Amino acid sequence: MQKILVIQTAFIGDAILASAVLEKLHQCFPFVQLDLLVRKGNETLYKDHPFLSNCIVWNKQEGKYKSLFALRKKIKAEQYDKVINLHRFASSGFLTAFSGAKEKIGFDKNPFSFMFSKKIKHEIGSGKHEVERNQQLIESFTDNQFAKPKLYPTLSNFEKVKEYKTGEYVCMAPSSVWFTKQLPFHKWVELCDKLSPTTTIYLLGAPGDAKLCDEINANSTHQRIINLSGKLNLLDSCALMKDAKMNYVNDSAPLHLASAMNAPTTAFFCSTVPSFGFTPLADNSRVVETSKQLDCKPCGLHGYKQCPKGHFDCGNTIEV
């Protein structure tokens, strides 16, 4: 049996988008052993995935280099036919280069790409979506047809959120790791106030986002806001977002959760721009940006902890 390993050890959003490569590989090679390597925490996205044989976890807390060499040994023992590296940094490049695989495929930006069997140019800013960039790595032995990311919540995930699906509702994920990628607090309050009083608003996020969500609830006049931050895992959130009338998100991981469920999406882009290639992919989706012309937007690919100019106009001038 042919064995293929896909590597994506970056953050949650990147791990979600990697699912599109799994979809394409399974579509073209339904009987291969398909494995995925992700960083610790992101494996929960792939719990009971229907056609993934193994989800391998890199736990840096066990010691970055110790765990890296242990992983290399484990990967080499599997004798993969192909290792496909979606990550562009040295750690994953090392694992790919010394995997012992017959084919080692990755992006040219990876420091170890000189040891790959095949490398593809990675360009950000041309308007090409990250999913398209990833699929270029496997295009030569699959096809050039676009495959969307997809996640598979289990029956238990859907059962857990069943109690919240008693009427019309929307989901909002107001937080982001980066301040400049996050719609301002007062804009979330304004959005809540504008929604129909009969629509329930579920605020989603990690445990650390509960305070922000509580403050949005406290400052809004809307009477049907429920803070679910820290109460749902990633696949629970997917199951809830799937049937929402709309999911309001930043340019952040929840955007890609919505894409992976083909769930209605409104994505707010503050300091970043759609041409970077991380826009929503749901059939019913849209991007909202400021209409103000700003020579400082975009200020960077990943965002900042505070606005470099001090005014944060890319967020504050978005019209709800």
C-alpha atoms as a PDB file:
ATOM      1  CA  MET A   1       0.000   0.000   0.000  1.00  0.00           C
ATOM      2  CA  GLN A   2       1.278   3.444  -0.907  1.00  0.00           C
ATOM      3  CA  LYS A   3       1.917   5.772   2.033  1.00  0.00           C
ATOM      4  CA  ILE A   4       1.654   9.576   1.924  1.00  0.00           C
ATOM      5  CA  LEU A   5       2.464  12.012   4.726  1.00  0.00           C
ATOM      6  CA  VAL A   6       1.257  15.614   4.676  1.00  0.00           C
ATOM      7  CA  ILE A   7       3.059  18.047   7.013  1.00  0.00           C
ATOM      8  CA  GLN A   8       1.573  21.302   8.305  1.00  0.00           C
ATOM      9  CA  THR A   9       2.949  22.283  11.713  1.00  0.00           C
ATOM     10  CA  ALA A  10       1.899  25.949  11.619  1.00  0.00           C
ATOM     11  CA  PHE A  11      -1.110  27.465  13.387  1.00  0.00           C
ATOM     12  CA  ILE A  12      -4.778  26.413  13.533  1.00  0.00           C
ATOM     13  CA  GLY A  13      -5.875  28.211  10.369  1.00  0.00           C
ATOM     14  CA  ASP A  14      -3.047  26.622   8.375  1.00  0.00           C
ATOM     15  CA  ALA A  15      -3.926  23.180   9.732  1.00  0.00           C
ATOM     16  CA  ILE A  16      -7.547  23.680   8.647  1.00  0.00           C
ATOM     17  CA  LEU A  17      -6.559  24.722   5.126  1.00  0.00           C
ATOM     18  CA  ALA A  18      -4.346  21.625   4.879  1.00  0.00           C
ATOM     19  CA  SER A  19      -7.545  19.571   4.824  1.00  0.00           C
ATOM     20  CA  ALA A  20      -8.065  20.612   1.186  1.00  0.00           C
ATOM     21  CA  VAL A  21      -4.892  18.718   0.246  1.00  0.00           C
ATOM     22  CA  LEU A  22      -6.202  15.670   2.103  1.00  0.00           C
ATOM     23  CA  GLU A  23      -9.475  15.936   0.181  1.00  0.00           C
ATOM     24  CA  LYS A  24      -7.669  16.025  -3.152  1.00  0.00           C
ATOM     25  CA  LEU A  25      -5.327  13.152  -2.286  1.00  0.00           C
ATOM     26  CA  HIS A  26      -8.187  10.971  -1.076  1.00  0.00           C
ATOM     27  CA  GLN A  27     -10.201  11.790  -4.170  1.00  0.00           C
ATOM     28  CA  CYS A  28      -7.351  10.704  -6.455  1.00  0.00           C
ATOM     29  CA  PHE A  29      -5.912   7.888  -4.305  1.00  0.00           C
ATOM     30  CA  PRO A  30      -8.740   6.519  -2.132  1.00  0.00           C
ATOM     31  CA  PHE A  31      -6.824   3.435  -0.991  1.00  0.00           C
ATOM     32  CA  VAL A  32      -3.494   4.932   0.124  1.00  0.00           C
ATOM     33  CA  GLN A  33      -2.422   5.272   3.738  1.00  0.00           C
ATOM     34  CA  LEU A  34      -2.837   8.995   4.292  1.00  0.00           C
ATOM     35  CA  ASP A  35      -1.179  10.519   7.382  1.00  0.00           C
ATOM     36  CA  LEU A  36      -0.962  14.085   8.672  1.00  0.00           C
ATOM     37  CA  LEU A  37       1.592  15.760  10.928  1.00  0.00           C
ATOM     38  CA  VAL A  38       0.446  18.788  12.951  1.00  0.00           C
ATOM     39  CA  ARG A  39       1.604  20.692  16.008  1.00  0.00           C
ATOM     40  CA  LYS A  40       0.208  19.841  19.456  1.00  0.00           C
ATOM     41  CA  GLY A  41      -3.384  21.077  19.845  1.00  0.00           C
ATOM     42  CA  ASN A  42      -4.320  21.006  16.176  1.00  0.00           C
ATOM     43  CA  GLU A  43      -4.840  17.246  16.185  1.00  0.00           C
ATOM     44  CA  THR A  44      -8.303  17.853  17.676  1.00  0.00           C
ATOM     45  CA  LEU A  45      -9.389  19.137  14.247  1.00  0.00           C
ATOM     46  CA  TYR A  46      -8.846  15.657  12.838  1.00  0.00           C
ATOM     47  CA  LYS A  47     -10.370  13.488  15.551  1.00  0.00           C
ATOM     48  CA  ASP A  48     -12.094  10.485  13.915  1.00  0.00           C
ATOM     49  CA  HIS A  49     -11.407  11.872  10.450  1.00  0.00           C
ATOM     50  CA  PRO A  50     -12.979   9.385   7.993  1.00  0.00           C
ATOM     51  CA  PHE A  51     -10.028   8.764   5.665  1.00  0.00           C
ATOM     52  CA  LEU A  52      -6.996   9.817   7.682  1.00  0.00           C
ATOM     53  CA  SER A  53      -5.012   6.793   8.878  1.00  0.00           C
ATOM     54  CA  ASN A  54      -2.818   8.596  11.430  1.00  0.00           C
ATOM     55  CA  CYS A  55      -2.585  12.090  12.841  1.00  0.00           C
ATOM     56  CA  ILE A  56       0.966  12.520  14.130  1.00  0.00           C
ATOM     57  CA  VAL A  57       1.553  15.236  16.728  1.00  0.00           C
ATOM     58  CA  TRP A  58       4.664  17.350  17.228  1.00  0.00           C
ATOM     59  CA  ASN A  59       4.708  18.361  20.873  1.00  0.00           C
ATOM     60  CA  LYS A  60       7.348  21.063  21.252  1.00  0.00           C
ATOM     61  CA  GLN A  61       6.760  21.144  25.017  1.00  0.00           C
ATOM     62  CA  GLU A  62       8.646  17.871  25.244  1.00  0.00           C
ATOM     63  CA  GLY A  63      11.705  19.776  24.041  1.00  0.00           C
ATOM     64  CA  LYS A  64      11.804  21.259  20.556  1.00  0.00           C
ATOM     65  CA  TYR A  65      14.909  19.474  19.270  1.00  0.00           C
ATOM     66  CA  LYS A  66      14.498  16.269  21.251  1.00  0.00           C
ATOM     67  CA  SER A  67      10.954  15.846  19.939  1.00  0.00           C
ATOM     68  CA  LEU A  68      12.033  16.838  16.419  1.00  0.00           C
ATOM     69  CA  PHE A  69      14.656  14.085  16.225  1.00  0.00           C
ATOM     70  CA  ALA A  70      12.203  11.580  17.702  1.00  0.00           C
ATOM     71  CA  LEU A  71       9.704  12.537  15.011  1.00  0.00           C
ATOM     72  CA  ARG A  72      12.317  12.144  12.282  1.00  0.00           C
ATOM     73  CA  LYS A  73      12.993   8.613  13.490  1.00  0.00           C
ATOM     74  CA  LYS A  74       9.280   7.801  13.585  1.00  0.00           C
ATOM     75  CA  ILE A  75       8.659   9.219  10.101  1.00  0.00           C
ATOM     76  CA  LYS A  76      11.628   7.397   8.581  1.00  0.00           C
ATOM     77  CA  ALA A  77      10.422   4.102  10.069  1.00  0.00           C
ATOM     78  CA  GLU A  78       7.117   4.459   8.211  1.00  0.00           C
ATOM     79  CA  GLN A  79       8.912   4.401   4.831  1.00  0.00           C
ATOM     80  CA  TYR A  80       6.598   6.886   3.141  1.00  0.00           C
ATOM     81  CA  ASP A  81       6.369   7.000  -0.635  1.00  0.00           C
ATOM     82  CA  LYS A  82       5.666  10.734  -0.586  1.00  0.00           C
ATOM     83  CA  VAL A  83       6.115  13.452   2.013  1.00  0.00           C
ATOM     84  CA  ILE A  84       4.307  16.672   1.128  1.00  0.00           C
ATOM     85  CA  ASN A  85       5.367  19.644   3.241  1.00  0.00           C
ATOM     86  CA  LEU A  86       2.957  22.600   3.319  1.00  0.00           C
ATOM     87  CA  HIS A  87       5.028  24.382   5.970  1.00  0.00           C
ATOM     88  CA  ARG A  88       7.785  26.780   4.928  1.00  0.00           C
ATOM     89  CA  PHE A  89      10.132  26.720   7.894  1.00  0.00           C
ATOM     90  CA  ALA A  90      13.253  24.811   8.849  1.00  0.00           C
ATOM     91  CA  SER A  91      11.783  22.367  11.385  1.00  0.00           C
ATOM     92  CA  SER A  92       9.367  20.772   8.914  1.00  0.00           C
ATOM     93  CA  GLY A  93      11.989  21.031   6.174  1.00  0.00           C
ATOM     94  CA  PHE A  94      14.370  18.978   8.301  1.00  0.00           C
ATOM     95  CA  LEU A  95      11.712  16.299   8.813  1.00  0.00           C
ATOM     96  CA  THR A  96      10.983  16.222   5.083  1.00  0.00           C
ATOM     97  CA  ALA A  97      14.595  16.192   3.942  1.00  0.00           C
ATOM     98  CA  PHE A  98      15.550  13.307   6.247  1.00  0.00           C
ATOM     99  CA  SER A  99      12.260  11.395   6.021  1.00  0.00           C
ATOM    100  CA  GLY A 100      13.659   8.718   3.751  1.00  0.00           C
ATOM    101  CA  ALA A 101      10.646   9.147   1.466  1.00  0.00           C
ATOM    102  CA  LYS A 102      10.948   8.364  -2.226  1.00  0.00           C
ATOM    103  CA  GLU A 103       9.504  11.793  -3.057  1.00  0.00           C
ATOM    104  CA  LYS A 104       9.952  14.898  -0.920  1.00  0.00           C
ATOM    105  CA  ILE A 105       7.822  17.847  -2.022  1.00  0.00           C
ATOM    106  CA  GLY A 106       7.611  21.358  -0.580  1.00  0.00           C
ATOM    107  CA  PHE A 107       7.905  25.092  -1.158  1.00  0.00           C
ATOM    108  CA  ASP A 108      11.054  26.813  -2.330  1.00  0.00           C
ATOM    109  CA  LYS A 109      11.032  29.127   0.706  1.00  0.00           C
ATOM    110  CA  ASN A 110      11.813  26.230   3.022  1.00  0.00           C
ATOM    111  CA  PRO A 111      15.503  26.346   4.079  1.00  0.00           C
ATOM    112  CA  PHE A 112      15.801  22.595   3.372  1.00  0.00           C
ATOM    113  CA  SER A 113      14.151  22.784  -0.066  1.00  0.00           C
ATOM    114  CA  PHE A 114      17.513  22.117  -1.749  1.00  0.00           C
ATOM    115  CA  MET A 115      17.121  18.536  -0.480  1.00  0.00           C
ATOM    116  CA  PHE A 116      13.566  18.090  -1.786  1.00  0.00           C
ATOM    117  CA  SER A 117      12.765  16.019  -4.866  1.00  0.00           C
ATOM    118  CA  LYS A 118      10.452  18.778  -6.024  1.00  0.00           C
ATOM    119  CA  LYS A 119       9.933  22.358  -4.903  1.00  0.00           C
ATOM    120  CA  ILE A 120       7.251  24.855  -5.890  1.00  0.00           C
ATOM    121  CA  LYS A 121       7.471  28.638  -5.770  1.00  0.00           C
ATOM    122  CA  HIS A 122       5.364  30.170  -2.994  1.00  0.00           C
ATOM    123  CA  GLU A 123       4.023  33.663  -3.681  1.00  0.00           C
ATOM    124  CA  ILE A 124       1.846  35.734  -1.362  1.00  0.00           C
ATOM    125  CA  GLY A 125       0.071  38.828  -2.646  1.00  0.00           C
ATOM    126  CA  SER A 126      -0.837  37.714  -6.159  1.00  0.00           C
ATOM    127  CA  GLY A 127      -4.442  36.969  -5.210  1.00  0.00           C
ATOM    128  CA  LYS A 128      -3.969  33.206  -5.294  1.00  0.00           C
ATOM    129  CA  HIS A 129      -5.589  31.485  -2.330  1.00  0.00           C
ATOM    130  CA  GLU A 130      -3.431  29.538   0.132  1.00  0.00           C
ATOM    131  CA  VAL A 131      -5.431  26.423  -0.755  1.00  0.00           C
ATOM    132  CA  GLU A 132      -4.416  26.870  -4.404  1.00  0.00           C
ATOM    133  CA  ARG A 133      -0.783  27.373  -3.400  1.00  0.00           C
ATOM    134  CA  ASN A 134      -0.864  24.164  -1.366  1.00  0.00           C
ATOM    135  CA  GLN A 135      -2.502  22.193  -4.159  1.00  0.00           C
ATOM    136  CA  GLN A 136       0.241  23.218  -6.565  1.00  0.00           C
ATOM    137  CA  LEU A 137       2.483  20.831  -4.615  1.00  0.00           C
ATOM    138  CA  ILE A 138       0.412  17.823  -5.684  1.00  0.00           C
ATOM    139  CA  GLU A 139      -0.922  19.051  -9.019  1.00  0.00           C
ATOM    140  CA  SER A 140       1.553  17.027 -11.103  1.00  0.00           C
ATOM    141  CA  PHE A 141       0.206  13.694  -9.827  1.00  0.00           C
ATOM    142  CA  THR A 142      -3.446  14.643  -9.087  1.00  0.00           C
ATOM    143  CA  ASP A 143      -5.093  17.364 -11.200  1.00  0.00           C
ATOM    144  CA  ASN A 144      -5.573  21.125 -11.258  1.00  0.00           C
ATOM    145  CA  GLN A 145      -9.188  21.102 -10.069  1.00  0.00           C
ATOM    146  CA  PHE A 146      -9.749  23.207  -6.937  1.00  0.00           C
ATOM    147  CA  ALA A 147     -10.645  21.288  -3.758  1.00  0.00           C
ATOM    148  CA  LYS A 148     -12.061  23.080  -0.736  1.00  0.00           C
ATOM    149  CA  PRO A 149     -10.993  22.470   2.861  1.00  0.00           C
ATOM    150  CA  LYS A 150     -13.336  20.201   4.783  1.00  0.00           C
ATOM    151  CA  LEU A 151     -13.608  19.051   8.386  1.00  0.00           C
ATOM    152  CA  TYR A 152     -15.732  16.251   9.793  1.00  0.00           C
ATOM    153  CA  PRO A 153     -17.422  16.895  13.159  1.00  0.00           C
ATOM    154  CA  THR A 154     -18.682  13.641  14.660  1.00  0.00           C
ATOM    155  CA  LEU A 155     -22.203  12.793  15.806  1.00  0.00           C
ATOM    156  CA  SER A 156     -21.108  13.616  19.358  1.00  0.00           C
ATOM    157  CA  ASN A 157     -20.056  17.117  18.242  1.00  0.00           C
ATOM    158  CA  PHE A 158     -23.443  17.726  16.640  1.00  0.00           C
ATOM    159  CA  GLU A 159     -25.192  16.279  19.688  1.00  0.00           C
ATOM    160  CA  LYS A 160     -23.293  18.631  22.000  1.00  0.00           C
ATOM    161  CA  VAL A 161     -24.523  21.770  20.163  1.00  0.00           C
ATOM    162  CA  LYS A 162     -28.051  20.483  19.454  1.00  0.00           C
ATOM    163  CA  GLU A 163     -29.470  22.443  22.387  1.00  0.00           C
ATOM    164  CA  TYR A 164     -28.289  25.721  20.814  1.00  0.00           C
ATOM    165  CA  LYS A 165     -30.089  25.128  17.517  1.00  0.00           C
ATOM    166  CA  THR A 166     -33.612  25.880  18.692  1.00  0.00           C
ATOM    167  CA  GLY A 167     -34.207  28.899  16.444  1.00  0.00           C
ATOM    168  CA  GLU A 168     -32.510  31.393  14.140  1.00  0.00           C
ATOM    169  CA  TYR A 169     -28.989  32.192  15.285  1.00  0.00           C
ATOM    170  CA  VAL A 170     -25.679  33.687  14.199  1.00  0.00           C
ATOM    171  CA  CYS A 171     -22.173  33.002  15.445  1.00  0.00           C
ATOM    172  CA  MET A 172     -19.529  35.651  16.126  1.00  0.00           C
ATOM    173  CA  ALA A 173     -15.839  35.013  16.776  1.00  0.00           C
ATOM    174  CA  PRO A 174     -14.646  38.485  17.848  1.00  0.00           C
ATOM    175  CA  SER A 175     -11.110  37.702  18.980  1.00  0.00           C
ATOM    176  CA  SER A 176      -7.789  37.257  17.180  1.00  0.00           C
ATOM    177  CA  VAL A 177      -4.222  36.616  18.286  1.00  0.00           C
ATOM    178  CA  TRP A 178      -3.290  39.881  16.536  1.00  0.00           C
ATOM    179  CA  PHE A 179      -4.960  43.146  17.575  1.00  0.00           C
ATOM    180  CA  THR A 180      -4.774  44.652  14.081  1.00  0.00           C
ATOM    181  CA  LYS A 181      -6.615  41.654  12.568  1.00  0.00           C
ATOM    182  CA  GLN A 182      -9.492  42.043  15.005  1.00  0.00           C
ATOM    183  CA  LEU A 183     -12.583  44.139  14.333  1.00  0.00           C
ATOM    184  CA  PRO A 184     -12.663  46.770  17.123  1.00  0.00           C
ATOM    185  CA  PHE A 185     -14.702  46.041  20.243  1.00  0.00           C
ATOM    186  CA  HIS A 186     -17.210  48.842  19.625  1.00  0.00           C
ATOM    187  CA  LYS A 187     -17.870  47.538  16.112  1.00  0.00           C
ATOM    188  CA  TRP A 188     -18.850  44.127  17.483  1.00  0.00           C
ATOM    189  CA  VAL A 189     -21.205  45.844  19.913  1.00  0.00           C
ATOM    190  CA  GLU A 190     -22.695  47.866  17.050  1.00  0.00           C
ATOM    191  CA  LEU A 191     -23.154  44.706  14.989  1.00  0.00           C
ATOM    192  CA  CYS A 192     -24.955  42.942  17.847  1.00  0.00           C
ATOM    193  CA  ASP A 193     -27.258  45.940  18.298  1.00  0.00           C
ATOM    194  CA  LYS A 194     -28.214  45.926  14.615  1.00  0.00           C
ATOM    195  CA  LEU A 195     -29.306  42.294  14.495  1.00  0.00           C
ATOM    196  CA  SER A 196     -32.930  41.219  14.848  1.00  0.00           C
ATOM    197  CA  PRO A 197     -33.985  40.876  18.503  1.00  0.00           C
ATOM    198  CA  THR A 198     -35.345  37.402  17.716  1.00  0.00           C
ATOM    199  CA  THR A 199     -31.944  36.156  16.489  1.00  0.00           C
ATOM    200  CA  THR A 200     -29.727  34.473  19.067  1.00  0.00           C
ATOM    201  CA  ILE A 201     -26.060  35.498  19.002  1.00  0.00           C
ATOM    202  CA  TYR A 202     -23.467  32.920  20.031  1.00  0.00           C
ATOM    203  CA  LEU A 203     -20.027  34.332  20.845  1.00  0.00           C
ATOM    204  CA  LEU A 204     -17.283  31.800  20.136  1.00  0.00           C
ATOM    205  CA  GLY A 205     -13.645  31.644  21.167  1.00  0.00           C
ATOM    206  CA  ALA A 206     -11.028  30.051  23.370  1.00  0.00           C
ATOM    207  CA  PRO A 207     -11.205  30.259  27.188  1.00  0.00           C
ATOM    208  CA  GLY A 208      -9.017  33.378  27.066  1.00  0.00           C
ATOM    209  CA  ASP A 209     -11.594  35.154  24.886  1.00  0.00           C
ATOM    210  CA  ALA A 210     -14.382  34.889  27.477  1.00  0.00           C
ATOM    211  CA  LYS A 211     -13.635  38.303  28.998  1.00  0.00           C
ATOM    212  CA  LEU A 212     -13.875  40.104  25.646  1.00  0.00           C
ATOM    213  CA  CYS A 213     -17.125  38.294  24.856  1.00  0.00           C
ATOM    214  CA  ASP A 214     -18.559  39.156  28.269  1.00  0.00           C
ATOM    215  CA  GLU A 215     -17.750  42.836  27.664  1.00  0.00           C
ATOM    216  CA  ILE A 216     -19.429  42.770  24.246  1.00  0.00           C
ATOM    217  CA  ASN A 217     -22.524  41.241  25.843  1.00  0.00           C
ATOM    218  CA  ALA A 218     -22.518  43.768  28.696  1.00  0.00           C
ATOM    219  CA  ASN A 219     -22.287  46.742  26.326  1.00  0.00           C
ATOM    220  CA  SER A 220     -24.839  45.578  23.762  1.00  0.00           C
ATOM    221  CA  THR A 221     -28.572  46.217  23.928  1.00  0.00           C
ATOM    222  CA  HIS A 222     -29.278  42.854  22.299  1.00  0.00           C
ATOM    223  CA  GLN A 223     -31.043  40.532  24.722  1.00  0.00           C
ATOM    224  CA  ARG A 224     -30.180  37.156  23.204  1.00  0.00           C
ATOM    225  CA  ILE A 225     -26.372  36.951  23.432  1.00  0.00           C
ATOM    226  CA  ILE A 226     -24.796  33.770  24.803  1.00  0.00           C
ATOM    227  CA  ASN A 227     -21.074  33.538  25.491  1.00  0.00           C
ATOM    228  CA  LEU A 228     -19.761  30.081  24.534  1.00  0.00           C
ATOM    229  CA  SER A 229     -16.045  30.953  24.727  1.00  0.00           C
ATOM    230  CA  GLY A 230     -14.120  28.019  26.117  1.00  0.00           C
ATOM    231  CA  LYS A 231     -17.218  25.807  26.204  1.00  0.00           C
ATOM    232  CA  LEU A 232     -16.866  24.259  22.749  1.00  0.00           C
ATOM    233  CA  ASN A 233     -13.913  22.554  21.136  1.00  0.00           C
ATOM    234  CA  LEU A 234     -12.982  23.219  17.505  1.00  0.00           C
ATOM    235  CA  LEU A 235     -15.208  20.515  16.016  1.00  0.00           C
ATOM    236  CA  ASP A 236     -18.099  21.495  18.324  1.00  0.00           C
ATOM    237  CA  SER A 237     -17.765  25.033  16.966  1.00  0.00           C
ATOM    238  CA  CYS A 238     -17.797  23.669  13.400  1.00  0.00           C
ATOM    239  CA  ALA A 239     -21.017  21.789  14.113  1.00  0.00           C
ATOM    240  CA  LEU A 240     -22.646  24.972  15.447  1.00  0.00           C
ATOM    241  CA  MET A 241     -21.361  27.235  12.667  1.00  0.00           C
ATOM    242  CA  LYS A 242     -22.663  24.880   9.987  1.00  0.00           C
ATOM    243  CA  ASP A 243     -26.316  25.807  10.527  1.00  0.00           C
ATOM    244  CA  ALA A 244     -25.906  29.450  11.532  1.00  0.00           C
ATOM    245  CA  LYS A 245     -27.708  32.094   9.499  1.00  0.00           C
ATOM    246  CA  MET A 246     -24.334  33.867   9.368  1.00  0.00           C
ATOM    247  CA  ASN A 247     -20.881  33.514  10.915  1.00  0.00           C
ATOM    248  CA  TYR A 248     -19.094  36.807  11.587  1.00  0.00           C
ATOM    249  CA  VAL A 249     -15.325  36.376  11.834  1.00  0.00           C
ATOM    250  CA  ASN A 250     -11.978  38.162  11.585  1.00  0.00           C
ATOM    251  CA  ASP A 251      -9.150  37.179   9.246  1.00  0.00           C
ATOM    252  CA  SER A 252      -8.356  34.399  11.688  1.00  0.00           C
ATOM    253  CA  ALA A 253      -8.860  30.670  12.363  1.00  0.00           C
ATOM    254  CA  PRO A 254     -12.696  30.760  12.758  1.00  0.00           C
ATOM    255  CA  LEU A 255     -12.880  32.071   9.183  1.00  0.00           C
ATOM    256  CA  HIS A 256     -11.312  28.808   8.010  1.00  0.00           C
ATOM    257  CA  LEU A 257     -13.540  26.722  10.284  1.00  0.00           C
ATOM    258  CA  ALA A 258     -16.520  28.257   8.489  1.00  0.00           C
ATOM    259  CA  SER A 259     -14.937  27.544   5.098  1.00  0.00           C
ATOM    260  CA  ALA A 260     -14.347  23.912   6.075  1.00  0.00           C
ATOM    261  CA  MET A 261     -18.080  23.563   6.826  1.00  0.00           C
ATOM    262  CA  ASN A 262     -19.218  25.584   3.791  1.00  0.00           C
ATOM    263  CA  ALA A 263     -21.038  27.756   6.335  1.00  0.00           C
ATOM    264  CA  PRO A 264     -22.231  31.335   5.599  1.00  0.00           C
ATOM    265  CA  THR A 265     -19.361  33.705   6.328  1.00  0.00           C
ATOM    266  CA  THR A 266     -18.848  37.436   6.732  1.00  0.00           C
ATOM    267  CA  ALA A 267     -15.142  38.094   7.232  1.00  0.00           C
ATOM    268  CA  PHE A 268     -13.765  41.418   8.476  1.00  0.00           C
ATOM    269  CA  PHE A 269     -10.332  42.292   7.078  1.00  0.00           C
ATOM    270  CA  CYS A 270      -8.713  45.117   9.022  1.00  0.00           C
ATOM    271  CA  SER A 271      -4.928  45.379   8.602  1.00  0.00           C
ATOM    272  CA  THR A 272      -4.661  42.488   6.130  1.00  0.00           C
ATOM    273  CA  VAL A 273      -5.999  42.229   2.569  1.00  0.00           C
ATOM    274  CA  PRO A 274      -7.774  39.509   0.549  1.00  0.00           C
ATOM    275  CA  SER A 275      -4.932  39.324  -1.989  1.00  0.00           C
ATOM    276  CA  PHE A 276      -2.797  37.544   0.630  1.00  0.00           C
ATOM    277  CA  GLY A 277      -4.960  34.493  -0.106  1.00  0.00           C
ATOM    278  CA  PHE A 278      -6.802  33.710   3.123  1.00  0.00           C
ATOM    279  CA  THR A 279     -10.348  34.723   2.178  1.00  0.00           C
ATOM    280  CA  PRO A 280     -13.455  32.650   3.033  1.00  0.00           C
ATOM    281  CA  LEU A 281     -14.335  29.829   0.637  1.00  0.00           C
ATOM    282  CA  ALA A 282     -17.956  29.087   1.576  1.00  0.00           C
ATOM    283  CA  ASP A 283     -20.513  29.386  -1.220  1.00  0.00           C
ATOM    284  CA  ASN A 284     -22.226  32.151   0.765  1.00  0.00           C
ATOM    285  CA  SER A 285     -19.366  34.367   1.887  1.00  0.00           C
ATOM    286  CA  ARG A 286     -18.153  37.942   1.703  1.00  0.00           C
ATOM    287  CA  VAL A 287     -15.260  40.097   2.833  1.00  0.00           C
ATOM    288  CA  VAL A 288     -15.849  43.445   4.538  1.00  0.00           C
ATOM    289  CA  GLU A 289     -13.150  46.114   4.575  1.00  0.00           C
ATOM    290  CA  THR A 290     -12.937  49.847   5.137  1.00  0.00           C
ATOM    291  CA  SER A 291     -13.870  52.001   2.168  1.00  0.00           C
ATOM    292  CA  LYS A 292     -11.245  54.546   3.247  1.00  0.00           C
ATOM    293  CA  GLN A 293      -8.072  54.637   1.142  1.00  0.00           C
ATOM    294  CA  LEU A 294      -5.173  53.962   3.480  1.00  0.00           C
ATOM    295  CA  ASP A 295      -1.543  53.993   2.353  1.00  0.00           C
ATOM    296  CA  CYS A 296      -0.625  51.938   5.437  1.00  0.00           C
ATOM    297  CA  LYS A 297      -2.923  48.979   4.629  1.00  0.00           C
ATOM    298  CA  PRO A 298      -1.733  46.262   4.616  1.00  0.00           C
ATOM    299  CA  CYS A 299       0.874  46.856   7.302  1.00  0.00           C
ATOM    300  CA  GLY A 300       1.989  43.234   7.384  1.00  0.00           C
ATOM    301  CA  LEU A 301       1.036  39.660   6.642  1.00  0.00           C
ATOM    302  CA  HIS A 302       0.267  38.548  10.196  1.00  0.00           C
ATOM    303  CA  GLY A 303      -0.852  41.700  11.976  1.00  0.00           C
ATOM    304  CA  TYR A 304       0.484  43.458  15.062  1.00  0.00           C
ATOM    305  CA  LYS A 305      -0.294  43.729  18.768  1.00  0.00           C
ATOM    306  CA  GLN A 306      -1.101  47.402  18.164  1.00  0.00           C
ATOM    307  CA  CYS A 307      -1.545  49.714  15.183  1.00  0.00           C
ATOM    308  CA  PRO A 308       1.904  50.907  14.011  1.00  0.00           C
ATOM    309  CA  LYS A 309       0.370  54.303  13.159  1.00  0.00           C
ATOM    310  CA  GLY A 310      -1.647  54.612  16.355  1.00  0.00           C
ATOM    311  CA  HIS A 311      -5.017  55.277  14.691  1.00  0.00           C
ATOM    312  CA  PHE A 312      -6.168  51.776  13.581  1.00  0.00           C
ATOM    313  CA  ASP A 313      -8.284  53.309  10.830  1.00  0.00           C
ATOM    314  CA  CYS A 314      -8.391  50.037   8.905  1.00  0.00           C
ATOM    315  CA  GLY A 315     -10.608  48.690  11.692  1.00  0.00           C
ATOM    316  CA  ASN A 316     -12.273  51.774  13.124  1.00  0.00           C
ATOM    317  CA  THR A 317     -13.622  52.984   9.763  1.00  0.00           C
ATOM    318  CA  ILE A 318     -15.286  49.703   8.748  1.00  0.00           C
ATOM    319  CA  GLU A 319     -19.004  50.342   8.319  1.00  0.00           C
ATOM    320  CA  VAL A 320     -21.118  47.787  10.139  1.00  0.00           C
END
